[in-house]
Amino acid sequence: MIRGVLLCGYALLFIKLLVSGNITNYIAPKMFPFMYFATFTLLFLGGVQIWRKEESHCCHHCEGEHHVPKTIGQSVRVYGLFFIPLLIGFMFSNHVLDSSLAAKRGVQLGGKEKQLVQEFLENPDEYMDNIDKQIENIIQDGITTEVQKEKELNKDLLDKSIIVVNDDQYISTLNFISEQIDVVTGKRIEITGFVFRERDFAPNEFVVARYGVTCCVADATVYGILVRADDAATWENDTWVKVEGVIDEAKYKQWIIPIITNPKVTIVNMPEQPYVYEY
């Protein structure tokens, strides 16, 4: 009976998350079909468990089937392992990842490794030959739909004087900026995210970032772009801001990364969907 109630309880938790929309705090939309299947399966199995228990109560005779008696303490420990996560799920289903986790995982600032730039400067012909070989290998493997979409996005971004980093193309846009720093330097950019700082940042630096999710929050990665402003200390970590400025490049450790200079920073409300997804 308890097993059936627990299974149905998890199914109801999934339904609550799906109906409220809070399920996107945990998994990417492409995983929704699996959630629907899991919800139906748990409801079915839970119903079977409850029905079998009710049916067994109708039988008052013993058919030779005996079970090892369990103590109350054993039952509490076993079922508690399943009940506690269920209770937590109903009580705390609205939690959104913040900068405390980002400080542990780090942030993807993109950029080009300085060593690669030096290789190009030392021997441009050899460097370009290697690039050509890589391109030929990619072409031989076939151009996928995703690659075609990325090319279209890159062309669209190059044609615009202002690069707006929207939710649907957040990660791909930042990747493009990182890979084409030389091309996009001087363009204006508009991006929304939360404020985050690494420990080694200067007082006038912070990152405007978002969590990128592939399948679930377990693989969440922080994607962002560095901002330099004299009044950077004005905005605390986890403050949601909209930043408008000019793209430039700078050295960070051994990397050449894009940064936003001369920024106009506006505090905004956290969006209804704080995460961005890799589709």
Protein backbone atom coordinates (compact mmCIF):
# COMPACT_ATOMS: atom_id res chain seq x y z
CA MET A 1 0.00 0.00 0.00
CA ILE A 2 2.76 2.44 1.00
CA ARG A 3 4.71 1.61 -2.15
CA GLY A 4 1.70 2.45 -4.29
CA VAL A 5 1.15 5.73 -2.46
CA LEU A 6 4.82 6.69 -2.94
CA LEU A 7 4.73 5.91 -6.66
CA CYS A 8 1.55 7.93 -7.11
CA GLY A 9 3.10 10.69 -4.99
CA TYR A 10 6.06 11.01 -7.37
CA ALA A 11 3.68 11.00 -10.32
CA LEU A 12 1.69 13.85 -8.71
CA LEU A 13 4.95 15.74 -8.10
CA PHE A 14 5.81 15.45 -11.80
CA ILE A 15 2.30 16.62 -12.72
CA LYS A 16 2.66 19.61 -10.35
CA LEU A 17 5.98 20.59 -11.93
CA LEU A 18 4.65 20.16 -15.47
CA VAL A 19 1.45 22.14 -14.86
CA SER A 20 3.20 24.96 -12.96
CA GLY A 21 6.02 25.18 -15.51
CA ASN A 22 8.63 24.75 -12.78
CA ILE A 23 9.84 21.59 -14.48
CA THR A 24 12.10 23.81 -16.60
CA ASN A 25 14.06 24.57 -13.41
CA TYR A 26 15.31 21.00 -13.59
CA ILE A 27 15.31 19.68 -17.14
CA ALA A 28 15.45 20.98 -20.70
CA PRO A 29 12.23 21.06 -22.78
CA LYS A 30 13.53 18.32 -25.07
CA MET A 31 13.28 15.94 -22.09
CA PHE A 32 9.54 16.55 -21.59
CA PRO A 33 8.42 13.40 -23.50
CA PHE A 34 10.37 11.29 -21.02
CA MET A 35 8.67 13.09 -18.14
CA TYR A 36 5.23 12.39 -19.57
CA PHE A 37 6.14 8.72 -19.99
CA ALA A 38 7.54 8.51 -16.45
CA THR A 39 4.43 10.18 -15.00
CA PHE A 40 2.08 7.75 -16.73
CA THR A 41 4.23 4.76 -15.73
CA LEU A 42 4.40 5.78 -12.06
CA LEU A 43 0.64 6.34 -11.91
CA PHE A 44 0.03 2.94 -13.50
CA LEU A 45 2.45 1.06 -11.23
CA GLY A 46 1.22 2.92 -8.16
CA GLY A 47 -2.38 2.08 -9.00
CA VAL A 48 -1.49 -1.58 -9.46
CA GLN A 49 0.27 -1.68 -6.09
CA ILE A 50 -2.73 -0.13 -4.31
CA TRP A 51 -5.20 -2.40 -6.13
CA ARG A 52 -3.21 -5.53 -5.26
CA LYS A 53 -3.14 -4.53 -1.59
CA GLU A 54 -6.88 -3.93 -1.52
CA GLU A 55 -7.44 -7.26 -3.24
CA SER A 56 -5.31 -9.11 -0.70
CA HIS A 57 -7.53 -7.81 2.11
CA CYS A 58 -10.44 -9.76 0.61
CA CYS A 59 -8.67 -13.05 1.35
CA HIS A 60 -8.87 -14.23 4.97
CA HIS A 61 -7.18 -17.57 4.55
CA CYS A 62 -3.51 -18.37 4.42
CA GLU A 63 -2.19 -19.98 1.28
CA GLY A 64 1.21 -20.82 2.63
CA GLU A 65 2.83 -17.49 1.68
CA HIS A 66 4.74 -15.99 4.59
CA HIS A 67 6.94 -12.90 4.80
CA VAL A 68 9.73 -12.06 7.21
CA PRO A 69 8.29 -9.60 9.73
CA LYS A 70 9.78 -6.11 9.64
CA THR A 71 10.23 -3.73 12.53
CA ILE A 72 8.81 -0.21 12.52
CA GLY A 73 12.33 1.21 12.55
CA GLN A 74 13.30 -0.70 9.39
CA SER A 75 10.18 0.44 7.58
CA VAL A 76 10.75 4.08 8.54
CA ARG A 77 14.34 3.98 7.29
CA VAL A 78 13.49 2.30 3.99
CA TYR A 79 10.42 4.32 3.09
CA GLY A 80 11.97 7.50 4.47
CA LEU A 81 14.58 7.35 1.70
CA PHE A 82 11.75 7.83 -0.80
CA PHE A 83 9.41 10.00 1.24
CA ILE A 84 11.93 12.74 2.15
CA PRO A 85 12.87 13.60 -1.50
CA LEU A 86 9.16 13.60 -2.33
CA LEU A 87 8.43 16.03 0.50
CA ILE A 88 11.34 18.27 -0.53
CA GLY A 89 10.06 18.25 -4.12
CA PHE A 90 6.64 19.55 -3.07
CA MET A 91 8.07 22.15 -0.70
CA PHE A 92 11.04 23.51 -2.69
CA SER A 93 10.24 23.11 -6.39
CA ASN A 94 10.97 26.75 -7.33
CA HIS A 95 14.70 26.94 -6.64
CA VAL A 96 16.81 28.54 -9.37
CA LEU A 97 20.59 28.12 -9.63
CA ASP A 98 22.55 31.22 -8.65
CA SER A 99 26.13 32.47 -8.49
CA SER A 100 27.04 30.23 -5.54
CA LEU A 101 27.14 27.24 -7.88
CA ALA A 102 28.75 29.27 -10.64
CA ALA A 103 31.64 30.05 -8.26
CA LYS A 104 32.32 26.31 -7.99
CA ARG A 105 31.87 25.40 -11.65
CA GLY A 106 33.35 28.51 -13.22
CA VAL A 107 32.04 30.46 -16.20
CA GLN A 108 32.50 29.87 -19.92
CA LEU A 109 33.91 33.14 -21.24
CA GLY A 110 34.91 31.64 -24.57
CA GLY A 111 37.70 33.31 -26.46
CA LYS A 112 40.78 32.22 -28.34
CA GLU A 113 43.78 30.75 -26.64
CA LYS A 114 46.70 33.10 -26.91
CA GLN A 115 48.94 30.23 -28.04
CA LEU A 116 46.79 29.72 -31.15
CA VAL A 117 47.13 33.39 -32.05
CA GLN A 118 50.89 33.14 -31.65
CA GLU A 119 50.97 30.07 -33.89
CA PHE A 120 49.14 32.01 -36.58
CA LEU A 121 51.54 34.95 -36.31
CA GLU A 122 54.60 32.70 -36.38
CA ASN A 123 53.55 30.61 -39.38
CA PRO A 124 50.32 31.82 -41.05
CA ASP A 125 50.58 29.44 -44.03
CA GLU A 126 50.92 26.29 -41.91
CA TYR A 127 48.19 27.45 -39.56
CA MET A 128 45.76 28.08 -42.44
CA ASP A 129 46.66 24.72 -44.01
CA ASN A 130 45.66 23.00 -40.78
CA ILE A 131 42.41 24.95 -40.72
CA ASP A 132 41.72 23.96 -44.34
CA LYS A 133 42.28 20.30 -43.49
CA GLN A 134 39.86 20.53 -40.58
CA ILE A 135 37.27 22.15 -42.83
CA GLU A 136 37.71 19.41 -45.43
CA ASN A 137 37.16 16.75 -42.77
CA ILE A 138 33.98 18.45 -41.65
CA ILE A 139 32.73 18.68 -45.23
CA GLN A 140 33.51 15.01 -45.79
CA ASP A 141 31.46 14.09 -42.72
CA GLY A 142 28.51 15.97 -44.21
CA ILE A 143 26.89 19.28 -43.36
CA THR A 144 24.17 18.72 -40.80
CA THR A 145 21.07 20.79 -40.25
CA GLU A 146 22.55 22.24 -37.08
CA VAL A 147 25.64 23.41 -38.94
CA GLN A 148 23.46 25.07 -41.57
CA LYS A 149 21.46 26.84 -38.87
CA GLU A 150 24.67 28.02 -37.25
CA LYS A 151 25.92 29.43 -40.54
CA GLU A 152 22.66 31.29 -41.05
CA LEU A 153 22.88 32.68 -37.53
CA ASN A 154 26.49 33.78 -38.03
CA LYS A 155 25.63 35.57 -41.27
CA ASP A 156 22.68 37.25 -39.61
CA LEU A 157 24.83 38.45 -36.72
CA LEU A 158 27.51 39.79 -39.04
CA ASP A 159 24.94 41.83 -40.95
CA LYS A 160 23.60 43.51 -37.80
CA SER A 161 25.12 46.60 -36.23
CA ILE A 162 23.71 45.61 -32.81
CA ILE A 163 23.99 42.01 -31.62
CA VAL A 164 21.03 41.14 -29.41
CA VAL A 165 21.67 37.98 -27.39
CA ASN A 166 18.19 36.46 -27.06
CA ASP A 167 17.19 33.36 -25.10
CA ASP A 168 16.70 31.04 -28.08
CA GLN A 169 20.20 31.64 -29.44
CA TYR A 170 22.01 32.68 -26.27
CA ILE A 171 24.73 30.01 -26.26
CA SER A 172 25.28 29.93 -30.02
CA THR A 173 25.52 33.74 -30.14
CA LEU A 174 28.12 33.86 -27.37
CA ASN A 175 30.06 31.05 -29.07
CA PHE A 176 30.05 33.02 -32.31
CA ILE A 177 31.29 36.18 -30.58
CA SER A 178 34.08 34.20 -28.91
CA GLU A 179 35.17 32.59 -32.18
CA GLN A 180 34.94 35.81 -34.22
CA ILE A 181 36.28 38.40 -31.80
CA ASP A 182 38.25 40.20 -34.51
CA VAL A 183 35.16 40.50 -36.72
CA VAL A 184 32.66 41.65 -34.08
CA THR A 185 34.98 44.04 -32.21
CA GLY A 186 33.39 47.48 -32.29
CA LYS A 187 29.84 46.19 -32.71
CA ARG A 188 27.26 47.04 -30.08
CA ILE A 189 25.75 44.27 -27.98
CA GLU A 190 22.67 43.86 -25.81
CA ILE A 191 22.51 41.00 -23.31
CA THR A 192 20.54 40.08 -20.18
CA GLY A 193 21.72 37.88 -17.32
CA PHE A 194 22.75 37.77 -13.69
CA VAL A 195 25.89 39.35 -12.25
CA PHE A 196 28.69 36.98 -11.35
CA ARG A 197 32.34 37.43 -10.37
CA GLU A 198 35.31 35.09 -10.26
CA ARG A 199 37.64 35.50 -7.28
CA ASP A 200 40.45 36.91 -9.43
CA PHE A 201 38.33 39.59 -11.12
CA ALA A 202 39.37 43.22 -10.83
CA PRO A 203 37.04 45.60 -8.93
CA ASN A 204 35.79 47.03 -12.25
CA GLU A 205 34.85 43.63 -13.72
CA PHE A 206 31.89 41.30 -13.60
CA VAL A 207 30.25 38.75 -15.88
CA VAL A 208 26.69 38.96 -17.15
CA ALA A 209 25.71 35.31 -17.40
CA ARG A 210 23.00 32.67 -17.75
CA TYR A 211 22.90 28.98 -16.95
CA GLY A 212 22.90 26.83 -20.09
CA VAL A 213 21.20 23.44 -19.73
CA THR A 214 21.60 20.52 -22.13
CA CYS A 215 19.46 17.83 -20.46
CA CYS A 216 19.05 18.74 -16.78
CA VAL A 217 20.46 21.06 -14.12
CA ALA A 218 23.11 18.46 -13.29
CA ASP A 219 24.93 19.47 -16.50
CA ALA A 220 24.19 23.19 -16.17
CA THR A 221 27.06 25.41 -17.33
CA VAL A 222 27.45 29.14 -16.84
CA TYR A 223 27.77 31.08 -20.11
CA GLY A 224 28.54 34.76 -20.06
CA ILE A 225 30.60 37.69 -21.24
CA LEU A 226 32.93 39.92 -19.24
CA VAL A 227 31.88 43.52 -18.55
CA ARG A 228 34.26 46.29 -17.56
CA ALA A 229 32.86 49.43 -15.92
CA ASP A 230 34.17 51.94 -13.40
CA ASP A 231 31.04 51.49 -11.29
CA ALA A 232 30.97 47.67 -11.54
CA ALA A 233 30.88 47.33 -7.75
CA THR A 234 27.41 48.91 -7.79
CA TRP A 235 25.82 45.62 -8.83
CA GLU A 236 25.98 42.68 -6.45
CA ASN A 237 26.19 39.03 -7.46
CA ASP A 238 22.87 37.47 -8.60
CA THR A 239 21.45 40.88 -9.60
CA TRP A 240 19.67 40.53 -12.92
CA VAL A 241 20.76 43.21 -15.35
CA LYS A 242 20.47 44.24 -18.97
CA VAL A 243 23.80 45.38 -20.39
CA GLU A 244 24.27 47.43 -23.54
CA GLY A 245 27.75 48.32 -24.71
CA VAL A 246 30.53 47.86 -27.25
CA ILE A 247 32.34 44.58 -27.89
CA ASP A 248 36.10 44.65 -27.44
CA GLU A 249 38.78 42.07 -26.70
CA ALA A 250 41.03 41.57 -23.70
CA LYS A 251 43.45 39.06 -22.24
CA TYR A 252 42.22 36.84 -19.40
CA LYS A 253 44.82 34.36 -18.17
CA GLN A 254 46.05 32.65 -21.38
CA TRP A 255 42.92 33.50 -23.35
CA ILE A 256 41.89 36.33 -25.61
CA ILE A 257 38.23 36.89 -24.69
CA PRO A 258 35.45 39.28 -25.72
CA ILE A 259 34.44 41.96 -23.24
CA ILE A 260 31.81 44.70 -23.10
CA THR A 261 33.12 48.23 -22.67
CA ASN A 262 31.32 51.54 -22.07
CA PRO A 263 28.33 49.61 -20.74
CA LYS A 264 24.90 50.92 -19.87
CA VAL A 265 23.62 48.65 -17.09
CA THR A 266 19.95 48.47 -16.16
CA ILE A 267 18.56 46.34 -13.33
CA VAL A 268 15.74 44.06 -14.53
CA ASN A 269 13.53 41.37 -13.04
CA MET A 270 14.60 37.77 -13.33
CA PRO A 271 12.93 36.38 -16.47
CA GLU A 272 10.17 33.81 -16.18
CA GLN A 273 12.60 31.28 -17.63
CA PRO A 274 16.07 32.03 -16.18
CA TYR A 275 17.85 29.20 -17.98
CA VAL A 276 18.81 28.94 -21.63
CA TYR A 277 18.96 25.64 -23.48
CA GLU A 278 21.17 23.88 -26.00
CA TYR A 279 18.69 22.47 -28.48
